Protein backbone atom coordinates (compact mmCIF):
# COMPACT_ATOMS: atom_id res chain seq x y z
CA MET A 1 128.43 -79.63 27.77
CA LYS A 2 126.50 -81.67 25.23
CA SER A 3 123.13 -81.47 23.64
CA SER A 4 121.62 -84.82 22.60
CA ILE A 5 118.69 -82.78 20.81
CA PHE A 6 120.96 -80.75 18.73
CA HIS A 7 123.98 -83.10 18.44
CA SER A 8 126.41 -80.74 19.37
CA ASP A 9 128.64 -79.52 22.19
CA PHE A 10 130.20 -76.09 23.34
CA LYS A 11 133.63 -76.57 21.69
CA THR A 12 132.00 -77.57 18.34
CA GLU A 13 129.83 -74.45 18.44
CA ILE A 14 132.72 -72.06 19.16
CA ILE A 15 134.44 -73.66 16.12
CA ALA A 16 131.36 -73.36 14.22
CA GLY A 17 131.01 -69.64 15.07
CA ILE A 18 134.47 -68.73 14.19
CA THR A 19 134.06 -70.45 10.84
CA THR A 20 130.79 -68.70 9.98
CA PHE A 21 132.75 -65.37 11.13
CA LEU A 22 135.45 -66.25 8.57
CA ALA A 23 133.23 -67.26 5.79
CA MET A 24 131.22 -63.84 5.94
CA SER A 25 133.67 -61.37 7.45
CA TYR A 26 134.32 -60.02 3.83
CA ILE A 27 131.31 -57.77 4.39
CA ILE A 28 133.09 -55.59 6.73
CA PHE A 29 135.34 -54.67 3.88
CA VAL A 30 132.89 -54.87 0.91
CA ASN A 31 129.89 -53.23 2.37
CA PRO A 32 131.51 -49.93 3.17
CA GLN A 33 132.98 -49.84 -0.63
CA ILE A 34 129.76 -50.11 -1.86
CA LEU A 35 127.96 -47.60 0.40
CA GLY A 36 130.78 -45.24 0.40
CA VAL A 37 130.23 -44.26 -3.26
CA THR A 38 127.21 -42.54 -1.82
CA GLY A 39 129.27 -40.17 -0.07
CA MET A 40 128.81 -41.76 3.41
CA ASP A 41 131.79 -41.88 5.73
CA LYS A 42 133.60 -44.84 5.22
CA SER A 43 135.10 -45.46 8.83
CA ALA A 44 131.95 -44.95 10.17
CA LEU A 45 130.37 -47.43 7.68
CA ILE A 46 132.90 -50.04 8.69
CA ALA A 47 131.62 -49.45 12.54
CA ALA A 48 128.04 -49.52 11.44
CA THR A 49 128.58 -52.92 9.58
CA CYS A 50 130.27 -54.78 12.37
CA ILE A 51 127.73 -53.28 14.92
CA ALA A 52 124.50 -54.09 12.98
CA SER A 53 125.97 -57.60 12.06
CA GLY A 54 126.85 -58.12 15.74
CA ILE A 55 123.29 -57.10 17.15
CA GLY A 56 121.36 -58.97 14.58
CA THR A 57 123.57 -62.34 14.79
CA ILE A 58 123.58 -62.21 18.61
CA LEU A 59 119.84 -61.67 18.83
CA VAL A 60 118.96 -64.87 16.50
CA GLY A 61 121.25 -66.84 18.69
CA LEU A 62 119.58 -65.80 22.07
CA VAL A 63 116.10 -65.55 20.54
CA THR A 64 115.80 -68.56 18.41
CA ASN A 65 118.65 -70.60 19.47
CA THR A 66 119.65 -71.21 15.81
CA PRO A 67 123.10 -70.88 14.16
CA ILE A 68 122.20 -68.19 11.77
CA ALA A 69 124.30 -65.24 11.40
CA MET A 70 122.90 -61.81 10.11
CA ALA A 71 124.80 -58.61 8.23
CA PRO A 72 124.20 -56.09 5.30
CA GLY A 73 123.09 -58.04 2.42
CA MET A 74 125.19 -58.08 -0.62
CA GLY A 75 122.74 -56.96 -3.42
CA LEU A 76 120.57 -54.92 -0.98
CA ASN A 77 123.44 -53.00 -0.38
CA ALA A 78 123.98 -52.54 -4.10
CA PHE A 79 120.51 -51.50 -4.39
CA PHE A 80 120.79 -48.75 -1.92
CA ALA A 81 123.82 -47.39 -3.51
CA TYR A 82 123.54 -47.82 -7.13
CA SER A 83 119.59 -47.73 -7.60
CA LEU A 84 118.33 -45.34 -4.96
CA VAL A 85 121.00 -42.94 -4.06
CA LEU A 86 123.09 -42.47 -7.43
CA GLY A 87 120.34 -44.02 -9.78
CA GLU A 88 117.30 -42.05 -8.47
CA LYS A 89 119.49 -39.26 -6.67
CA ILE A 90 117.87 -40.08 -3.45
CA PRO A 91 119.88 -38.40 -0.53
CA TRP A 92 121.26 -41.27 1.62
CA PRO A 93 119.65 -40.21 4.81
CA THR A 94 116.14 -40.55 3.06
CA ALA A 95 117.54 -44.06 1.43
CA LEU A 96 118.09 -45.05 5.07
CA GLY A 97 114.88 -43.91 5.82
CA ILE A 98 113.43 -46.40 2.94
CA VAL A 99 115.48 -49.09 4.46
CA PHE A 100 113.83 -48.66 7.81
CA LEU A 101 110.40 -48.37 6.32
CA SER A 102 110.99 -51.53 4.28
CA GLY A 103 112.02 -53.42 7.57
CA LEU A 104 108.70 -52.29 9.33
CA LEU A 105 106.67 -53.32 6.40
CA PHE A 106 108.50 -56.68 6.55
CA LEU A 107 107.92 -57.08 10.13
CA LEU A 108 104.11 -55.92 9.85
CA LEU A 109 103.70 -58.40 6.87
CA THR A 110 105.33 -61.32 9.00
CA LEU A 111 103.10 -61.01 11.94
CA ALA A 112 100.01 -60.53 9.84
CA GLY A 113 100.82 -63.79 7.94
CA VAL A 114 100.68 -61.82 4.65
CA ARG A 115 104.38 -62.87 3.87
CA ALA A 116 103.50 -66.33 3.20
CA LYS A 117 100.73 -65.41 0.69
CA LEU A 118 103.20 -63.47 -0.98
CA VAL A 119 105.83 -66.23 -1.35
CA ALA A 120 103.04 -68.51 -2.83
CA ALA A 121 102.25 -66.24 -5.34
CA ILE A 122 105.56 -66.00 -7.16
CA PRO A 123 106.62 -68.76 -9.51
CA ARG A 124 109.65 -70.34 -8.26
CA SER A 125 111.64 -69.40 -11.44
CA LEU A 126 111.20 -65.68 -11.10
CA ILE A 127 112.50 -66.20 -7.72
CA PHE A 128 115.61 -67.90 -8.60
CA ALA A 129 115.93 -65.23 -11.57
CA ILE A 130 116.28 -62.50 -9.01
CA SER A 131 119.22 -64.17 -7.47
CA VAL A 132 120.84 -64.64 -10.78
CA GLY A 133 120.07 -60.99 -12.08
CA ILE A 134 121.26 -59.70 -8.78
CA GLY A 135 124.46 -61.90 -9.18
CA ILE A 136 125.33 -60.53 -12.52
CA PHE A 137 124.63 -56.95 -11.37
CA ILE A 138 127.14 -57.33 -8.35
CA THR A 139 129.83 -58.99 -10.58
CA PHE A 140 129.52 -55.95 -12.83
CA ILE A 141 130.13 -53.79 -10.04
CA GLY A 142 133.07 -55.80 -9.06
CA LEU A 143 134.63 -55.80 -12.42
CA VAL A 144 134.11 -52.12 -12.54
CA ASN A 145 135.59 -51.39 -9.22
CA LEU A 146 138.49 -53.63 -10.27
CA GLY A 147 139.28 -51.54 -13.23
CA LEU A 148 138.74 -54.61 -15.55
CA VAL A 149 135.69 -53.02 -17.07
CA VAL A 150 135.75 -49.34 -18.06
CA LYS A 151 133.35 -46.81 -19.68
CA ASN A 152 133.51 -46.44 -23.61
CA GLU A 153 131.54 -43.61 -25.38
CA ALA A 154 131.04 -45.97 -28.69
CA THR A 155 130.44 -49.31 -26.78
CA LEU A 156 129.23 -48.00 -23.42
CA VAL A 157 131.69 -50.26 -21.64
CA ALA A 158 134.91 -51.98 -22.72
CA MET A 159 137.82 -53.86 -21.04
CA GLY A 160 140.32 -51.91 -19.19
CA LYS A 161 144.01 -51.99 -19.32
CA PHE A 162 146.00 -54.49 -17.07
CA THR A 163 147.34 -51.95 -14.65
CA PRO A 164 149.10 -52.84 -11.63
CA THR A 165 146.10 -52.20 -9.63
CA VAL A 166 144.07 -54.52 -11.78
CA MET A 167 146.67 -57.34 -11.59
CA ILE A 168 146.95 -57.10 -7.79
CA GLY A 169 143.04 -57.54 -7.91
CA LEU A 170 143.36 -60.33 -10.12
CA ILE A 171 145.63 -61.96 -8.06
CA GLY A 172 143.38 -61.84 -5.03
CA LEU A 173 140.65 -63.24 -7.31
CA LEU A 174 142.76 -66.44 -8.16
CA VAL A 175 143.52 -66.80 -4.65
CA MET A 176 139.72 -66.85 -3.96
CA VAL A 177 139.17 -69.15 -6.74
CA VAL A 178 141.67 -71.61 -5.92
CA LEU A 179 140.81 -71.56 -2.13
CA GLU A 180 137.11 -72.13 -2.89
CA PHE A 181 138.32 -75.06 -5.16
CA LYS A 182 139.88 -76.66 -2.15
CA LYS A 183 137.13 -75.68 0.04
CA ILE A 184 139.07 -73.67 2.64
CA LYS A 185 136.96 -71.43 4.86
CA GLY A 186 137.37 -67.82 4.66
CA SER A 187 138.64 -67.76 1.02
CA LEU A 188 137.22 -64.46 0.32
CA LEU A 189 138.83 -62.66 3.39
CA ILE A 190 142.09 -64.50 2.65
CA GLY A 191 141.89 -63.10 -0.86
CA ILE A 192 141.06 -59.45 0.18
CA PHE A 193 144.15 -59.82 2.73
CA VAL A 194 146.65 -61.29 -0.12
CA SER A 195 145.53 -58.18 -2.29
CA THR A 196 145.88 -55.65 0.45
CA LEU A 197 149.44 -57.09 1.30
CA ILE A 198 150.37 -56.84 -2.08
CA ALA A 199 149.25 -53.28 -2.61
CA LEU A 200 151.01 -52.39 0.64
CA ILE A 201 154.27 -54.05 -0.37
CA LEU A 202 154.27 -52.20 -3.81
CA GLY A 203 153.58 -48.71 -1.99
CA LYS A 204 150.20 -48.59 -3.57
CA ILE A 205 148.59 -47.90 -0.23
CA GLY A 206 150.00 -46.81 3.17
CA LEU A 207 149.89 -48.07 6.70
CA PRO A 208 147.13 -46.23 8.80
CA SER A 209 148.35 -44.07 11.56
CA GLN A 210 147.15 -46.41 14.08
CA VAL A 211 146.20 -50.01 13.94
CA PHE A 212 143.60 -50.17 16.60
CA ALA A 213 140.99 -47.94 17.74
CA PHE A 214 138.82 -47.84 20.93
CA ASN A 215 136.85 -44.82 20.31
CA VAL A 216 134.76 -45.57 17.18
CA ASN A 217 133.08 -42.71 15.99
CA LEU A 218 129.25 -43.71 14.48
CA SER A 219 128.03 -40.27 14.23
CA PRO A 220 128.68 -39.58 10.66
CA VAL A 221 126.18 -42.05 9.63
CA ALA A 222 124.23 -43.20 13.11
CA PHE A 223 120.67 -41.62 13.58
CA LYS A 224 120.91 -39.73 10.34
CA LEU A 225 118.07 -41.48 8.71
CA ASP A 226 115.11 -39.57 7.37
CA ILE A 227 111.93 -41.39 7.88
CA LEU A 228 109.76 -38.57 7.36
CA GLY A 229 111.41 -37.57 3.89
CA ALA A 230 110.91 -41.44 2.95
CA LEU A 231 107.15 -41.35 3.67
CA LYS A 232 106.27 -40.06 0.06
CA TRP A 233 103.99 -42.11 -2.33
CA ALA A 234 106.84 -41.38 -4.90
CA PHE A 235 108.99 -43.91 -2.77
CA PHE A 236 106.59 -46.68 -1.95
CA GLY A 237 108.08 -48.44 -4.88
CA ALA A 238 111.44 -48.66 -3.56
CA ILE A 239 110.23 -49.49 -0.03
CA PHE A 240 108.23 -52.36 -1.61
CA ALA A 241 111.34 -53.41 -3.82
CA LEU A 242 113.61 -53.49 -1.02
CA MET A 243 111.04 -55.46 1.45
CA PHE A 244 110.54 -57.76 -1.45
CA MET A 245 113.93 -58.84 -2.17
CA ASP A 246 114.71 -59.01 1.68
CA LEU A 247 111.74 -61.08 1.68
CA PHE A 248 112.88 -63.75 -0.60
CA ASP A 249 116.59 -63.58 0.10
CA SER A 250 116.16 -64.17 3.75
CA LEU A 251 113.26 -67.00 3.35
CA GLY A 252 115.67 -68.87 1.00
CA THR A 253 118.80 -68.31 3.28
CA LEU A 254 116.70 -69.49 6.30
CA VAL A 255 114.93 -72.51 4.58
CA ALA A 256 118.30 -73.92 3.20
CA CYS A 257 120.45 -73.30 6.43
CA SER A 258 117.40 -74.66 8.69
CA HIS A 259 117.38 -78.03 6.69
CA LYS A 260 121.11 -78.23 6.98
CA ALA A 261 121.22 -77.46 10.82
CA GLY A 262 118.30 -80.03 11.36
CA ILE A 263 116.14 -77.18 12.56
CA THR A 264 113.15 -78.55 10.26
CA ASP A 265 113.23 -81.39 12.80
CA ARG A 266 112.17 -79.38 15.69
CA GLU A 267 108.31 -79.42 16.70
CA ASN A 268 108.52 -75.70 16.84
CA TYR A 269 109.83 -75.32 13.38
CA THR A 270 107.35 -73.02 11.75
CA SER A 271 107.46 -70.66 14.87
CA VAL A 272 111.22 -70.60 14.60
CA ILE A 273 111.24 -69.59 10.93
CA ASN A 274 108.65 -66.83 11.96
CA ARG A 275 110.77 -65.59 14.55
CA LEU A 276 113.92 -65.52 12.41
CA LEU A 277 111.95 -63.68 9.85
CA GLY A 278 110.74 -61.17 12.54
CA LEU A 279 114.35 -60.56 13.55
CA ASP A 280 115.46 -60.25 10.08
CA ALA A 281 113.10 -57.47 9.75
CA LEU A 282 114.08 -56.05 13.21
CA ALA A 283 117.83 -56.26 12.25
CA THR A 284 117.20 -54.07 9.10
CA MET A 285 115.56 -51.43 11.05
CA ILE A 286 118.32 -51.52 13.56
CA GLY A 287 120.99 -51.19 10.62
CA ALA A 288 119.04 -48.45 9.33
CA VAL A 289 119.29 -46.39 12.43
CA LEU A 290 122.82 -47.40 12.91
CA GLY A 291 123.63 -46.11 9.07
CA THR A 292 123.79 -49.09 7.02
CA SER A 293 121.65 -50.93 4.33
CA THR A 294 119.29 -53.65 4.69
CA THR A 295 120.79 -56.31 7.21
CA THR A 296 119.65 -59.99 6.55
CA ALA A 297 120.33 -63.74 7.05
CA TYR A 298 123.54 -65.00 5.46
CA ILE A 299 123.82 -68.08 3.35
CA GLU A 300 127.59 -68.25 4.60
CA SER A 301 126.05 -69.37 7.75
CA GLY A 302 126.05 -72.81 6.17
CA ALA A 303 129.63 -72.80 6.57
CA GLY A 304 129.25 -72.97 10.40
CA ILE A 305 126.44 -75.35 10.44
CA GLU A 306 128.58 -77.86 8.30
CA ALA A 307 131.42 -77.47 10.82
CA GLY A 308 128.96 -78.77 13.52
CA GLY A 309 126.95 -75.61 14.58
CA ARG A 310 123.49 -76.43 15.67
CA THR A 311 122.67 -74.03 18.37
CA GLY A 312 122.54 -70.44 19.17
CA ILE A 313 125.93 -70.44 20.52
CA SER A 314 127.49 -70.44 17.49
CA ALA A 315 125.61 -67.40 16.52
CA VAL A 316 126.64 -65.56 19.53
CA VAL A 317 130.23 -66.30 18.83
CA THR A 318 130.05 -64.91 15.31
CA GLY A 319 128.29 -61.99 16.71
CA ILE A 320 131.11 -61.13 19.29
CA LEU A 321 133.61 -61.51 16.38
CA PHE A 322 132.03 -58.75 14.44
CA PHE A 323 131.91 -56.54 17.62
CA LEU A 324 135.73 -57.21 17.91
CA GLY A 325 136.21 -56.08 14.32
CA LEU A 326 135.32 -52.71 15.69
CA ILE A 327 138.91 -52.42 17.00
CA PHE A 328 140.64 -52.74 13.55
CA VAL A 329 138.44 -49.99 11.88
CA PRO A 330 141.61 -48.13 11.12
CA LEU A 331 143.51 -51.04 9.45
CA ILE A 332 140.36 -52.14 7.66
CA GLY A 333 140.08 -48.66 6.18
CA ILE A 334 143.14 -48.93 4.08
CA VAL A 335 141.79 -51.60 2.11
CA PRO A 336 141.39 -50.50 -1.60
CA ALA A 337 138.48 -50.96 -3.89
CA TYR A 338 140.36 -53.22 -6.34
CA ALA A 339 141.21 -55.51 -3.35
CA THR A 340 137.62 -55.90 -2.36
CA ALA A 341 136.35 -56.15 -5.95
CA PRO A 342 137.21 -59.81 -6.48
CA ALA A 343 134.93 -60.63 -3.50
CA LEU A 344 132.05 -59.10 -5.56
CA ILE A 345 132.95 -61.22 -8.38
CA MET A 346 132.71 -64.27 -6.22
CA VAL A 347 129.60 -63.39 -4.48
CA GLY A 348 128.29 -62.97 -8.19
CA PHE A 349 129.44 -66.27 -9.31
CA PHE A 350 127.76 -67.95 -6.12
CA MET A 351 124.45 -66.40 -6.88
CA ILE A 352 124.42 -67.03 -10.50
CA LYS A 353 124.41 -70.81 -9.74
CA GLU A 354 120.62 -70.64 -9.05
CA ILE A 355 120.16 -70.38 -12.87
CA VAL A 356 119.72 -74.14 -13.00
CA ASN A 357 116.47 -73.92 -11.03
CA ILE A 358 114.68 -71.86 -13.63
CA HIS A 359 112.28 -73.68 -15.84
CA PHE A 360 113.16 -72.71 -19.08
CA GLU A 361 110.86 -75.20 -20.64
CA VAL A 362 107.76 -73.25 -19.43
CA THR A 363 107.98 -69.94 -21.43
CA GLU A 364 105.63 -68.23 -19.30
CA GLU A 365 107.95 -68.49 -16.48
CA ALA A 366 111.04 -68.50 -18.48
CA PHE A 367 110.57 -65.23 -20.31
CA PRO A 368 109.83 -63.17 -17.21
CA ALA A 369 112.71 -64.86 -15.44
CA PHE A 370 114.90 -63.91 -18.49
CA ILE A 371 113.70 -60.23 -18.39
CA ILE A 372 114.52 -60.06 -14.66
CA ILE A 373 118.10 -61.43 -15.33
CA ILE A 374 118.84 -59.40 -18.11
CA MET A 375 117.08 -55.97 -16.96
CA ILE A 376 118.34 -55.86 -13.61
CA ALA A 377 121.90 -56.02 -14.96
CA LEU A 378 121.43 -53.59 -18.15
CA SER A 379 119.33 -51.15 -16.70
CA TYR A 380 121.66 -50.80 -13.60
CA SER A 381 118.20 -51.15 -11.58
CA ILE A 382 117.34 -53.92 -9.48
CA SER A 383 113.74 -52.74 -8.75
CA SER A 384 113.15 -51.99 -12.66
CA GLY A 385 114.40 -55.51 -13.45
CA LEU A 386 111.83 -56.94 -10.73
CA ALA A 387 108.93 -54.83 -11.96
CA LEU A 388 109.53 -55.53 -15.48
CA GLY A 389 109.53 -59.33 -14.77
CA PHE A 390 106.44 -59.48 -12.99
CA ILE A 391 104.64 -57.13 -15.45
CA SER A 392 105.61 -59.65 -18.00
CA PHE A 393 104.70 -62.76 -16.40
CA THR A 394 101.12 -61.56 -15.54
CA PHE A 395 100.56 -60.39 -19.18
CA LEU A 396 101.92 -63.75 -20.42
CA MET A 397 99.44 -65.83 -18.19
CA ILE A 398 96.61 -63.51 -19.64
CA PHE A 399 97.49 -64.33 -23.42
CA SER A 400 98.53 -67.73 -22.70
CA GLY A 401 95.05 -68.34 -21.21
CA LYS A 402 96.19 -69.35 -17.71
CA ILE A 403 94.66 -66.08 -16.19
CA LYS A 404 92.70 -68.23 -13.64
CA GLU A 405 96.48 -69.54 -12.23
CA VAL A 406 97.52 -65.85 -11.41
CA LYS A 407 97.09 -65.60 -7.59
CA LEU A 408 95.45 -62.54 -6.10
CA ALA A 409 98.73 -61.55 -4.22
CA MET A 410 100.52 -61.59 -7.95
CA TRP A 411 97.95 -59.13 -9.17
CA ALA A 412 98.51 -56.89 -6.26
CA ILE A 413 102.36 -57.26 -6.83
CA THR A 414 101.85 -56.53 -10.63
CA LEU A 415 99.80 -53.49 -9.84
CA LEU A 416 102.49 -51.98 -7.84
CA SER A 417 105.10 -52.74 -10.46
CA VAL A 418 102.99 -50.70 -12.93
CA LEU A 419 102.59 -47.98 -10.23
CA PHE A 420 106.65 -47.97 -9.80
CA PHE A 421 106.92 -46.95 -13.59
CA ILE A 422 104.14 -44.57 -13.44
CA ILE A 423 105.37 -42.96 -10.41
């Protein structure tokens, strides 16, 4: 079965789907570790991650016929856990309600065509700065989970001791770096596996009572979202921040992957992108109902595309593999935080590469970008970093005499950012 339109065949699509799954399956281990700090049940989170990823990815394959995979987004899950729940002391059911409403807002803006105006209003340097800032933030979380960075009363943070668990994690990190250098697919997953295996051999963790599970229990997190509790003016800034982050995360991923997959050559390219963005929003809403943070398109889809994936068949294969991951919930549950921490560090490394696209020679763009990067990391709040960056950009444009270049949508974003701090 071969398609002259997409230059692919069934066997290639199967291989591409498996490749994409290997490249992004680390999320099954990492997402529950991040969201677990909120007090949510880890086993249920593993199941929710698998199901949300499976549903979102299969929907993309069937509805758009594209090789794009979806899963709970890195950075977005950190915002949920560390900014909303731990930082702002919002109960996790209410935070899930915020995620659901952000997905609904994203969907409505996409259908109304407002999305394009928001994207056009933000300078590209600021968009890339968001990725860099979140990358540093995720790296910091990874270093803390690993135990390499610890709290210090005098200096706030300091380097931790090289304990056995830290060394196990560093071995996993080394494996990931070497495999990534050699361009071997699934490098993060393999690194997590190596660290967990060493921890098991050294007796740092024990084997689960059962390896397979066929009675997955989602009840501790599924259908627990509190939408009415999230419908407060005080939470609008958080809803907008989540929607905004998902908007640029998904748009950048979809454009990059579409170009690689040749989707940009299709006559209905614009329609396909709009449907993908709509599904991205829908997947977020479904994920919130199931009990996980914002679900979005994954740049790791590019691994499958490089392997020849051109149609929705590869996405369906990836989605099915996520569902199969449900069987191994008990085994996944024993993976320690210091084994998944290196994956966070590597994801941060991937995201920080976008810094080369920031126009540092243009001060009115470079300084706000700098503020976004620094304040996301040092304030331990993605939303605060974004808001400060947008406000500083608008003020710099005013004082540099370029007020007419500030688009109406940017004024609206700046106003929302100011209200975020006031509220």
